[in-house]
Amino acid sequence: MDFGRRSISEVIPQHDSDPLAAEPSTALWLAQLRWIAIAGQMIVISFVTMFLGIELPWTQLLTLVLLTVASNIVLWMVAKRWSNWSRLSHLSHNRILGGVLLFDVVILSGLLYFSGGAANPFILFYVANIAVAGVVLSRFWAVLIAAASVGGCFLLLHYAVGLKVFAGSPYEHTAPWGETKWAFWISFATCSWVLTYFVSQLALEVRLRDRRLAIAEKEKERAQRLEALATLAAGAGHELASPLSTIAVIAGELSRRLDKPEIPDKVKRDFGLIREELSRCKDILHRMKSGAGEAAAERLHPVALGEILQETIDAMREPHRVELRMEKAVGDFKALLPKQALSQAIRNLLQNGLDASDPQQKVILSSNIELDRQQNRSWQLTIEDCGSGLSDEVLRRIGEPFFTTKEVGKGMGMGVFLTRNVIQGLGGTLRFDRRASQGTVCTVSIPIETA
């Protein structure tokens, strides 16, 4: 169909961004968390040495901490420079943060290696890295971090710099491998995988929920803008109605004086053009006021579905080009519907299909009643044309008021907008799809009840 008069399409905006992609704010949050971790490492090392009297290899431990400080300064600078970060692809975002957390696993493994290995109770801090990875990274990177942590734990059970305070521990690297070590490592690996799965799944659900909320908010804003435009159009129509009515009255008076033979034919033709344009303005104003809800506010009456469609087709300029496909039982079904408003809405869609098709081609209008699982009835209308179809741009903007692809003077871009108001006001939906061959399929679904 030629949707210069755009149709109603419940289209969710397409987003190219990965729901699992890290954002600059995530990098800043991670950098802040790492500053806290660095401070904690220094406090623990100092406390153990100064107050507990445990000798630690200060040189090796401080070197590892300084490496963490240096990497965090780089991460902080990258995160602060929003423009540089935003130029990176989403895959690069995950690689950067994934590399940082993988680096943290290596650093933690080094700190534990020089401070007792798996016998050191701070081995549980592997879990913190796994949890953070599940929150800020994609599942691939979260699994990679978990695998590195499990591997680090396994190596620490084999190799480490022993401390006297942990002598005799069943998890010390010199202790023989038996049920205790195997049970510890297997339980650690199992907990790591379970934690990775549930945290990453929860993070994914939260991101998807945030995306849905953002999309809903944008749709709400769009609906508010369209409502404001419709109100503006109705106000303009109301204000223009008075002067146009005055012009129409004066034109009627003048028409009675143009029957004299001395009046030139050119003047009569020009005056006839004025009358035609006044009639066109009246029709436009009527449609603009309908967009503000006058037609949609029509009272519901018991009416046969076939009666609505017949009135719709009869009022069209080329009714012979509309092929109606409907069973008698469907046409005789009576429901509570606004006859006039719904006829005009369907007529808009049919006219778009006729305008888009060649003059010798027909538009097919199919009608049937469907039941859902809860046995609720809905009236399904399908309009198929043989036009050139809808472009991506038209599909994206379809339904906006005053958007039209028709030539100037052949459409004001309000037909589908008004149709949407009527159908959505009845709790229905309107969808447009490209046909496999050529043309467009318009599907209308309206919930109905027996009259």
Protein backbone atom coordinates (compact mmCIF):
# COMPACT_ATOMS: atom_id res chain seq x y z
CA MET A 1 0.00 0.00 0.00
CA ASP A 2 1.06 3.56 -0.45
CA PHE A 3 1.28 4.59 3.12
CA GLY A 4 1.69 8.20 2.71
CA ARG A 5 -1.30 7.94 4.98
CA ARG A 6 0.55 5.84 7.37
CA SER A 7 -0.96 2.88 9.05
CA ILE A 8 -0.87 1.75 12.54
CA SER A 9 1.94 -0.50 13.33
CA GLU A 10 2.88 -1.67 16.74
CA VAL A 11 6.53 -1.76 15.96
CA ILE A 12 9.10 -2.00 18.69
CA PRO A 13 12.11 0.09 17.84
CA GLN A 14 15.05 -1.94 16.74
CA HIS A 15 18.19 -1.56 18.81
CA ASP A 16 21.57 -2.56 17.55
CA SER A 17 23.17 -2.51 20.98
CA ASP A 18 23.93 -5.77 22.71
CA PRO A 19 21.96 -6.12 25.94
CA LEU A 20 25.07 -7.60 27.48
CA ALA A 21 27.38 -4.83 26.34
CA ALA A 22 29.29 -2.95 28.99
CA GLU A 23 28.80 0.78 29.27
CA PRO A 24 31.19 3.57 30.32
CA SER A 25 29.36 3.84 33.66
CA THR A 26 30.05 0.13 34.23
CA ALA A 27 33.76 0.69 33.69
CA LEU A 28 33.76 3.55 36.22
CA TRP A 29 31.90 1.40 38.72
CA LEU A 30 34.40 -1.44 38.24
CA ALA A 31 37.34 0.95 38.62
CA GLN A 32 35.92 2.25 41.89
CA LEU A 33 35.38 -1.31 43.11
CA ARG A 34 38.99 -2.17 42.28
CA TRP A 35 40.26 0.87 44.24
CA ILE A 36 38.39 -0.51 47.25
CA ALA A 37 39.90 -3.96 46.64
CA ILE A 38 43.40 -2.47 46.39
CA ALA A 39 42.93 -0.62 49.67
CA GLY A 40 41.66 -3.82 51.25
CA GLN A 41 44.70 -5.75 50.05
CA MET A 42 47.08 -3.21 51.57
CA ILE A 43 45.17 -3.18 54.85
CA VAL A 44 45.19 -7.00 55.09
CA ILE A 45 48.90 -7.27 54.25
CA SER A 46 49.79 -4.57 56.78
CA PHE A 47 47.56 -6.03 59.50
CA VAL A 48 48.91 -9.57 59.06
CA THR A 49 52.51 -8.35 59.18
CA MET A 50 52.31 -5.73 61.91
CA PHE A 51 49.72 -7.15 64.29
CA LEU A 52 49.81 -10.90 63.71
CA GLY A 53 53.57 -11.07 63.19
CA ILE A 54 53.34 -13.29 60.15
CA GLU A 55 56.26 -12.88 57.79
CA LEU A 56 55.18 -12.25 54.18
CA PRO A 57 57.22 -11.75 50.99
CA TRP A 58 56.57 -7.99 50.87
CA THR A 59 58.44 -7.39 47.63
CA GLN A 60 56.41 -9.87 45.59
CA LEU A 61 53.10 -8.89 47.17
CA LEU A 62 53.62 -5.14 46.72
CA THR A 63 54.70 -5.68 43.10
CA LEU A 64 51.41 -7.45 42.40
CA VAL A 65 49.43 -4.72 44.16
CA LEU A 66 51.25 -2.00 42.19
CA LEU A 67 50.46 -3.82 38.95
CA THR A 68 46.79 -3.72 39.95
CA VAL A 69 47.10 0.01 40.72
CA ALA A 70 48.66 0.70 37.32
CA SER A 71 45.96 -1.28 35.45
CA ASN A 72 43.21 0.49 37.38
CA ILE A 73 44.62 3.92 36.53
CA VAL A 74 44.46 2.98 32.85
CA LEU A 75 40.90 1.67 33.22
CA TRP A 76 39.85 4.80 35.11
CA MET A 77 41.28 7.10 32.42
CA VAL A 78 39.58 5.15 29.62
CA ALA A 79 36.26 5.16 31.45
CA LYS A 80 36.50 8.87 32.20
CA ARG A 81 37.10 9.75 28.56
CA TRP A 82 33.58 8.98 27.41
CA SER A 83 34.24 9.82 23.76
CA ASN A 84 37.04 7.29 23.42
CA TRP A 85 35.00 4.64 25.19
CA SER A 86 31.87 5.21 23.10
CA ARG A 87 33.83 4.79 19.88
CA LEU A 88 34.63 1.24 20.89
CA SER A 89 32.36 -1.55 19.70
CA HIS A 90 30.30 -3.46 22.22
CA LEU A 91 32.52 -6.47 21.66
CA SER A 92 35.54 -4.33 22.56
CA HIS A 93 33.77 -3.14 25.72
CA ASN A 94 33.42 -6.74 26.89
CA ARG A 95 36.97 -7.55 25.90
CA ILE A 96 38.38 -4.64 27.89
CA LEU A 97 36.43 -5.35 31.07
CA GLY A 98 36.81 -9.10 30.59
CA GLY A 99 40.57 -8.65 30.25
CA VAL A 100 40.64 -6.53 33.41
CA LEU A 101 38.77 -9.12 35.47
CA LEU A 102 40.90 -11.93 34.02
CA PHE A 103 43.96 -9.92 35.02
CA ASP A 104 42.50 -9.63 38.53
CA VAL A 105 42.18 -13.42 38.72
CA VAL A 106 45.86 -13.74 37.82
CA ILE A 107 46.85 -11.13 40.40
CA LEU A 108 44.74 -12.79 43.09
CA SER A 109 46.32 -16.14 42.23
CA GLY A 110 49.76 -14.52 42.59
CA LEU A 111 48.90 -12.96 45.96
CA LEU A 112 47.61 -16.31 47.22
CA TYR A 113 50.64 -18.12 45.82
CA PHE A 114 52.99 -15.98 47.92
CA SER A 115 50.80 -16.23 51.02
CA GLY A 116 50.05 -19.88 51.62
CA GLY A 117 48.20 -20.98 48.49
CA ALA A 118 44.85 -22.75 48.84
CA ALA A 119 45.32 -22.95 52.62
CA ASN A 120 44.86 -19.15 52.77
CA PRO A 121 41.17 -18.43 53.62
CA PHE A 122 41.26 -15.45 51.25
CA ILE A 123 40.98 -17.96 48.40
CA LEU A 124 37.25 -17.33 48.71
CA PHE A 125 37.83 -13.98 47.00
CA TYR A 126 37.80 -15.88 43.72
CA VAL A 127 34.03 -15.90 44.25
CA ALA A 128 33.95 -12.09 44.23
CA ASN A 129 35.59 -11.98 40.80
CA ILE A 130 33.14 -14.57 39.49
CA ALA A 131 30.14 -12.61 40.79
CA VAL A 132 31.39 -9.30 39.35
CA ALA A 133 32.04 -10.94 35.98
CA GLY A 134 28.51 -12.35 35.92
CA VAL A 135 27.08 -8.88 36.53
CA VAL A 136 29.08 -6.74 34.10
CA LEU A 137 30.09 -9.15 31.31
CA SER A 138 28.51 -11.45 28.77
CA ARG A 139 28.07 -15.08 29.70
CA PHE A 140 31.08 -16.10 27.61
CA TRP A 141 33.39 -13.86 29.63
CA ALA A 142 31.73 -14.84 32.90
CA VAL A 143 32.37 -18.52 32.14
CA LEU A 144 35.96 -17.70 31.16
CA ILE A 145 36.55 -15.90 34.47
CA ALA A 146 35.01 -18.81 36.38
CA ALA A 147 37.22 -21.31 34.50
CA ALA A 148 40.33 -19.24 35.28
CA SER A 149 39.37 -19.12 38.96
CA VAL A 150 38.79 -22.86 39.13
CA GLY A 151 42.12 -23.42 37.37
CA GLY A 152 43.88 -21.04 39.75
CA CYS A 153 42.45 -22.89 42.74
CA PHE A 154 43.66 -26.19 41.31
CA LEU A 155 47.19 -24.84 40.79
CA LEU A 156 47.31 -23.36 44.30
CA LEU A 157 46.49 -26.77 45.72
CA HIS A 158 49.70 -27.97 44.00
CA TYR A 159 52.08 -25.01 44.14
CA ALA A 160 52.52 -22.19 46.63
CA VAL A 161 54.97 -20.46 48.97
CA GLY A 162 54.17 -22.03 52.31
CA LEU A 163 53.63 -20.11 55.55
CA LYS A 164 54.21 -21.53 59.02
CA VAL A 165 50.76 -20.44 60.15
CA PHE A 166 49.17 -22.83 57.62
CA ALA A 167 51.46 -25.76 58.35
CA GLY A 168 49.50 -28.98 58.65
CA SER A 169 46.48 -27.67 56.70
CA PRO A 170 44.88 -30.33 54.47
CA TYR A 171 44.78 -27.69 51.69
CA GLU A 172 48.50 -26.84 51.85
CA HIS A 173 50.36 -27.51 48.62
CA THR A 174 52.59 -30.07 50.34
CA ALA A 175 49.61 -32.02 51.72
CA PRO A 176 48.90 -35.28 49.85
CA TRP A 177 46.01 -35.34 47.39
CA GLY A 178 43.16 -37.24 48.95
CA GLU A 179 39.44 -37.01 49.55
CA THR A 180 39.75 -33.69 51.38
CA LYS A 181 41.59 -31.85 48.60
CA TRP A 182 39.45 -33.37 45.87
CA ALA A 183 36.24 -32.58 47.74
CA PHE A 184 37.37 -28.99 48.31
CA TRP A 185 38.30 -28.44 44.67
CA ILE A 186 35.17 -30.13 43.27
CA SER A 187 32.90 -28.18 45.61
CA PHE A 188 34.70 -24.95 44.69
CA ALA A 189 34.33 -25.70 40.96
CA THR A 190 30.65 -26.61 41.34
CA CYS A 191 29.84 -23.48 43.31
CA SER A 192 31.70 -21.39 40.75
CA TRP A 193 29.69 -22.75 37.82
CA VAL A 194 26.37 -22.44 39.66
CA LEU A 195 27.18 -18.89 40.74
CA THR A 196 28.24 -17.96 37.21
CA TYR A 197 25.03 -19.27 35.68
CA PHE A 198 22.58 -17.67 38.09
CA VAL A 199 24.34 -14.32 38.38
CA SER A 200 24.77 -13.95 34.62
CA GLN A 201 21.16 -15.04 34.05
CA LEU A 202 19.88 -12.56 36.61
CA ALA A 203 22.02 -9.78 35.11
CA LEU A 204 20.68 -10.59 31.64
CA GLU A 205 17.08 -10.42 32.85
CA VAL A 206 17.74 -7.08 34.53
CA ARG A 207 19.29 -5.65 31.36
CA LEU A 208 16.43 -6.90 29.22
CA ARG A 209 13.92 -5.47 31.68
CA ASP A 210 15.69 -2.10 31.59
CA ARG A 211 15.62 -2.21 27.80
CA ARG A 212 11.90 -2.98 27.73
CA LEU A 213 11.29 -0.13 30.16
CA ALA A 214 13.33 2.24 27.99
CA ILE A 215 11.42 1.18 24.88
CA ALA A 216 8.09 1.57 26.69
CA GLU A 217 9.12 5.03 27.85
CA LYS A 218 10.02 6.06 24.30
CA GLU A 219 6.72 4.71 23.02
CA LYS A 220 4.90 6.63 25.73
CA GLU A 221 6.68 9.86 24.77
CA ARG A 222 5.89 9.24 21.11
CA ALA A 223 2.22 8.65 21.92
CA GLN A 224 2.11 11.88 23.92
CA ARG A 225 3.63 13.82 21.02
CA LEU A 226 1.13 12.33 18.60
CA GLU A 227 -1.73 13.13 20.96
CA ALA A 228 -0.55 16.73 21.18
CA LEU A 229 -0.40 16.94 17.38
CA ALA A 230 -3.91 15.54 17.12
CA THR A 231 -5.18 18.08 19.63
CA LEU A 232 -3.44 20.86 17.72
CA ALA A 233 -5.02 19.65 14.48
CA ALA A 234 -8.47 19.56 16.06
CA GLY A 235 -7.99 23.07 17.45
CA ALA A 236 -6.88 24.38 14.07
CA GLY A 237 -9.88 22.71 12.46
CA HIS A 238 -12.25 24.31 14.93
CA GLU A 239 -10.73 27.77 14.42
CA LEU A 240 -10.80 27.47 10.62
CA ALA A 241 -14.37 26.21 10.52
CA SER A 242 -15.91 29.65 11.21
CA PRO A 243 -14.17 31.68 8.48
CA LEU A 244 -14.64 28.88 5.97
CA SER A 245 -18.34 28.73 6.80
CA THR A 246 -18.59 32.44 6.15
CA ILE A 247 -16.83 32.06 2.82
CA ALA A 248 -19.19 29.20 1.92
CA VAL A 249 -22.26 31.35 2.67
CA ILE A 250 -20.94 34.25 0.57
CA ALA A 251 -20.03 31.85 -2.22
CA GLY A 252 -23.58 30.51 -2.18
CA GLU A 253 -24.97 34.03 -2.53
CA LEU A 254 -22.61 34.81 -5.37
CA SER A 255 -23.44 31.61 -7.22
CA ARG A 256 -27.00 32.82 -7.76
CA ARG A 257 -25.67 35.91 -9.54
CA LEU A 258 -23.38 34.05 -11.89
CA ASP A 259 -26.20 32.67 -14.01
CA LYS A 260 -26.36 35.85 -16.01
CA PRO A 261 -25.16 35.46 -19.60
CA GLU A 262 -22.84 38.47 -19.42
CA ILE A 263 -20.63 36.70 -16.86
CA PRO A 264 -17.50 35.31 -18.62
CA ASP A 265 -17.04 31.53 -18.65
CA LYS A 266 -13.58 31.93 -17.08
CA VAL A 267 -15.13 33.61 -14.02
CA LYS A 268 -17.66 30.81 -13.71
CA ARG A 269 -14.91 28.18 -13.93
CA ASP A 270 -12.84 29.99 -11.29
CA PHE A 271 -15.84 30.24 -9.01
CA GLY A 272 -16.55 26.54 -9.49
CA LEU A 273 -12.97 25.83 -8.44
CA ILE A 274 -13.51 27.90 -5.28
CA ARG A 275 -16.59 25.83 -4.42
CA GLU A 276 -14.64 22.59 -4.96
CA GLU A 277 -11.78 23.76 -2.75
CA LEU A 278 -14.25 24.81 -0.03
CA SER A 279 -15.76 21.34 -0.14
CA ARG A 280 -12.29 19.82 0.12
CA CYS A 281 -11.46 22.03 3.11
CA LYS A 282 -14.67 20.94 4.79
CA ASP A 283 -13.72 17.29 4.33
CA ILE A 284 -10.24 17.89 5.71
CA LEU A 285 -11.61 19.68 8.78
CA HIS A 286 -14.04 16.84 9.38
CA ARG A 287 -11.20 14.33 9.38
CA MET A 288 -9.05 16.51 11.65
CA LYS A 289 -11.83 16.76 14.20
CA SER A 290 -12.30 13.01 14.01
CA GLY A 291 -8.65 12.63 14.98
CA ALA A 292 -9.40 14.40 18.27
CA GLY A 293 -11.80 11.62 19.19
CA GLU A 294 -15.21 12.66 17.93
CA ALA A 295 -15.64 9.62 15.72
CA ALA A 296 -13.99 7.32 18.24
CA ALA A 297 -16.43 8.55 20.88
CA GLU A 298 -19.40 7.31 18.86
CA ARG A 299 -21.77 5.22 20.96
CA LEU A 300 -21.59 1.46 20.57
CA HIS A 301 -24.59 -0.19 18.93
CA PRO A 302 -25.38 -3.78 17.96
CA VAL A 303 -24.39 -4.02 14.33
CA ALA A 304 -23.69 -6.89 11.94
CA LEU A 305 -20.09 -7.16 10.77
CA GLY A 306 -21.22 -7.52 7.18
CA GLU A 307 -23.23 -4.32 7.48
CA ILE A 308 -20.13 -2.39 8.54
CA LEU A 309 -18.10 -3.71 5.62
CA GLN A 310 -20.87 -3.13 3.11
CA GLU A 311 -21.25 0.49 4.20
CA THR A 312 -17.47 0.86 4.05
CA ILE A 313 -17.24 -0.38 0.47
CA ASP A 314 -20.34 1.43 -0.80
CA ALA A 315 -18.96 4.81 0.29
CA MET A 316 -15.68 4.36 -1.60
CA ARG A 317 -14.84 6.05 -4.89
CA GLU A 318 -14.13 2.73 -6.63
CA PRO A 319 -16.13 0.05 -4.80
CA HIS A 320 -15.85 -2.35 -7.75
CA ARG A 321 -12.10 -2.67 -7.10
CA VAL A 322 -12.64 -4.14 -3.60
CA GLU A 323 -13.07 -7.92 -3.47
CA LEU A 324 -14.78 -8.99 -0.23
CA ARG A 325 -14.17 -12.50 1.05
CA MET A 326 -16.40 -13.32 4.01
CA GLU A 327 -18.59 -16.25 5.04
CA LYS A 328 -22.26 -15.55 5.63
CA ALA A 329 -22.05 -16.54 9.30
CA VAL A 330 -19.32 -13.96 9.86
CA GLY A 331 -21.27 -11.26 8.06
CA ASP A 332 -24.41 -11.97 10.11
CA PHE A 333 -22.56 -11.90 13.44
CA LYS A 334 -23.67 -8.90 15.52
CA ALA A 335 -21.33 -7.11 17.91
CA LEU A 336 -21.22 -3.87 19.87
CA LEU A 337 -19.16 -1.58 17.65
CA PRO A 338 -19.11 2.08 16.51
CA LYS A 339 -20.42 1.66 12.98
CA GLN A 340 -19.52 5.03 11.47
CA ALA A 341 -16.08 5.37 13.06
CA LEU A 342 -15.06 1.82 12.20
CA SER A 343 -16.34 2.13 8.62
CA GLN A 344 -14.26 5.25 8.11
CA ALA A 345 -11.18 3.58 9.64
CA ILE A 346 -11.42 0.53 7.37
CA ARG A 347 -12.15 2.79 4.39
CA ASN A 348 -8.87 4.62 4.98
CA LEU A 349 -6.93 1.35 4.79
CA LEU A 350 -8.77 0.19 1.68
CA GLN A 351 -8.23 3.51 -0.06
CA ASN A 352 -4.51 3.35 0.67
CA GLY A 353 -4.43 -0.09 -0.93
CA LEU A 354 -6.30 1.14 -4.00
CA ASP A 355 -4.03 4.17 -4.35
CA ALA A 356 -0.96 1.94 -4.19
CA SER A 357 -2.23 -0.59 -6.75
CA ASP A 358 -2.61 -0.13 -10.49
CA PRO A 359 -6.06 1.08 -11.65
CA GLN A 360 -6.95 -2.34 -13.08
CA GLN A 361 -5.94 -4.25 -9.93
CA LYS A 362 -8.16 -5.12 -7.00
CA VAL A 363 -7.70 -5.03 -3.25
CA ILE A 364 -8.76 -8.15 -1.34
CA LEU A 365 -10.64 -7.66 1.95
CA SER A 366 -10.97 -10.85 4.04
CA SER A 367 -13.08 -11.09 7.18
CA ASN A 368 -13.36 -13.84 9.80
CA ILE A 369 -13.84 -14.41 13.52
CA GLU A 370 -11.18 -16.13 15.62
CA LEU A 371 -11.20 -17.56 19.15
CA ASP A 372 -8.21 -17.48 21.49
CA ARG A 373 -7.41 -19.97 24.23
CA GLN A 374 -9.72 -18.17 26.63
CA GLN A 375 -12.53 -18.41 24.06
CA ASN A 376 -12.50 -14.65 23.51
CA ARG A 377 -13.67 -13.58 20.06
CA SER A 378 -11.78 -11.19 17.83
CA TRP A 379 -12.71 -9.83 14.42
CA GLN A 380 -9.86 -10.36 12.00
CA LEU A 381 -9.65 -8.23 8.86
CA THR A 382 -6.97 -8.70 6.22
CA ILE A 383 -6.41 -6.19 3.42
CA GLU A 384 -4.07 -7.25 0.59
CA ASP A 385 -2.96 -4.93 -2.17
CA CYS A 386 -0.70 -5.27 -5.20
CA GLY A 387 1.37 -2.14 -4.68
CA SER A 388 5.12 -1.72 -4.40
CA GLY A 389 5.15 -2.51 -0.67
CA LEU A 390 6.47 -0.56 2.29
CA SER A 391 10.06 0.60 2.64
CA ASP A 392 11.90 0.37 5.94
CA GLU A 393 11.61 4.14 6.37
CA VAL A 394 7.84 4.09 5.90
CA LEU A 395 7.49 1.14 8.27
CA ARG A 396 9.49 3.02 10.86
CA ARG A 397 7.41 6.19 10.66
CA ILE A 398 4.08 4.61 9.90
CA GLY A 399 1.24 6.07 11.96
CA GLU A 400 2.67 9.55 12.48
CA PRO A 401 0.26 12.38 11.67
CA PHE A 402 0.96 14.48 8.58
CA PHE A 403 3.51 12.01 7.21
CA THR A 404 2.72 11.09 3.62
CA THR A 405 4.45 9.68 0.57
CA LYS A 406 1.71 10.88 -1.76
CA GLU A 407 1.99 13.86 -4.02
CA VAL A 408 1.07 17.28 -2.70
CA GLY A 409 -2.70 17.70 -2.65
CA LYS A 410 -3.43 13.95 -2.80
CA GLY A 411 -3.10 13.18 0.89
CA MET A 412 -2.48 14.97 4.16
CA GLY A 413 -1.04 12.01 6.06
CA MET A 414 -3.89 11.70 8.56
CA GLY A 415 -5.76 8.62 7.30
CA VAL A 416 -3.80 5.88 9.04
CA PHE A 417 -3.21 8.04 12.10
CA LEU A 418 -6.96 8.42 12.58
CA THR A 419 -7.49 4.74 11.82
CA ARG A 420 -5.07 3.84 14.57
CA ASN A 421 -6.92 6.02 17.07
CA VAL A 422 -10.19 4.25 16.33
CA ILE A 423 -8.82 0.69 16.36
CA GLN A 424 -6.67 1.15 19.45
CA GLY A 425 -9.61 2.83 21.18
CA LEU A 426 -11.52 -0.43 20.67
CA GLY A 427 -8.63 -2.43 22.15
CA GLY A 428 -7.53 -3.71 18.76
CA THR A 429 -4.25 -3.87 16.88
CA LEU A 430 -3.10 -3.06 13.37
CA ARG A 431 -0.08 -4.61 11.69
CA PHE A 432 1.51 -4.23 8.26
CA ASP A 433 3.69 -6.82 6.53
CA ARG A 434 5.38 -7.07 3.17
CA ARG A 435 4.03 -9.73 0.87
CA ALA A 436 6.46 -12.35 -0.39
CA SER A 437 5.81 -11.33 -4.00
CA GLN A 438 4.72 -7.72 -4.10
CA GLY A 439 2.41 -5.48 -2.15
CA THR A 440 1.39 -5.16 1.49
CA VAL A 441 -0.81 -7.13 3.87
CA CYS A 442 -2.66 -5.14 6.52
CA THR A 443 -4.05 -7.13 9.45
CA VAL A 444 -6.66 -5.66 11.80
CA SER A 445 -7.71 -7.45 14.98
CA ILE A 446 -10.57 -6.09 17.10
CA PRO A 447 -11.96 -7.83 20.21
CA ILE A 448 -15.74 -8.27 19.94
CA GLU A 449 -18.60 -9.46 22.07
CA THR A 450 -21.99 -10.79 21.12
CA ALA A 451 -24.53 -7.99 20.91
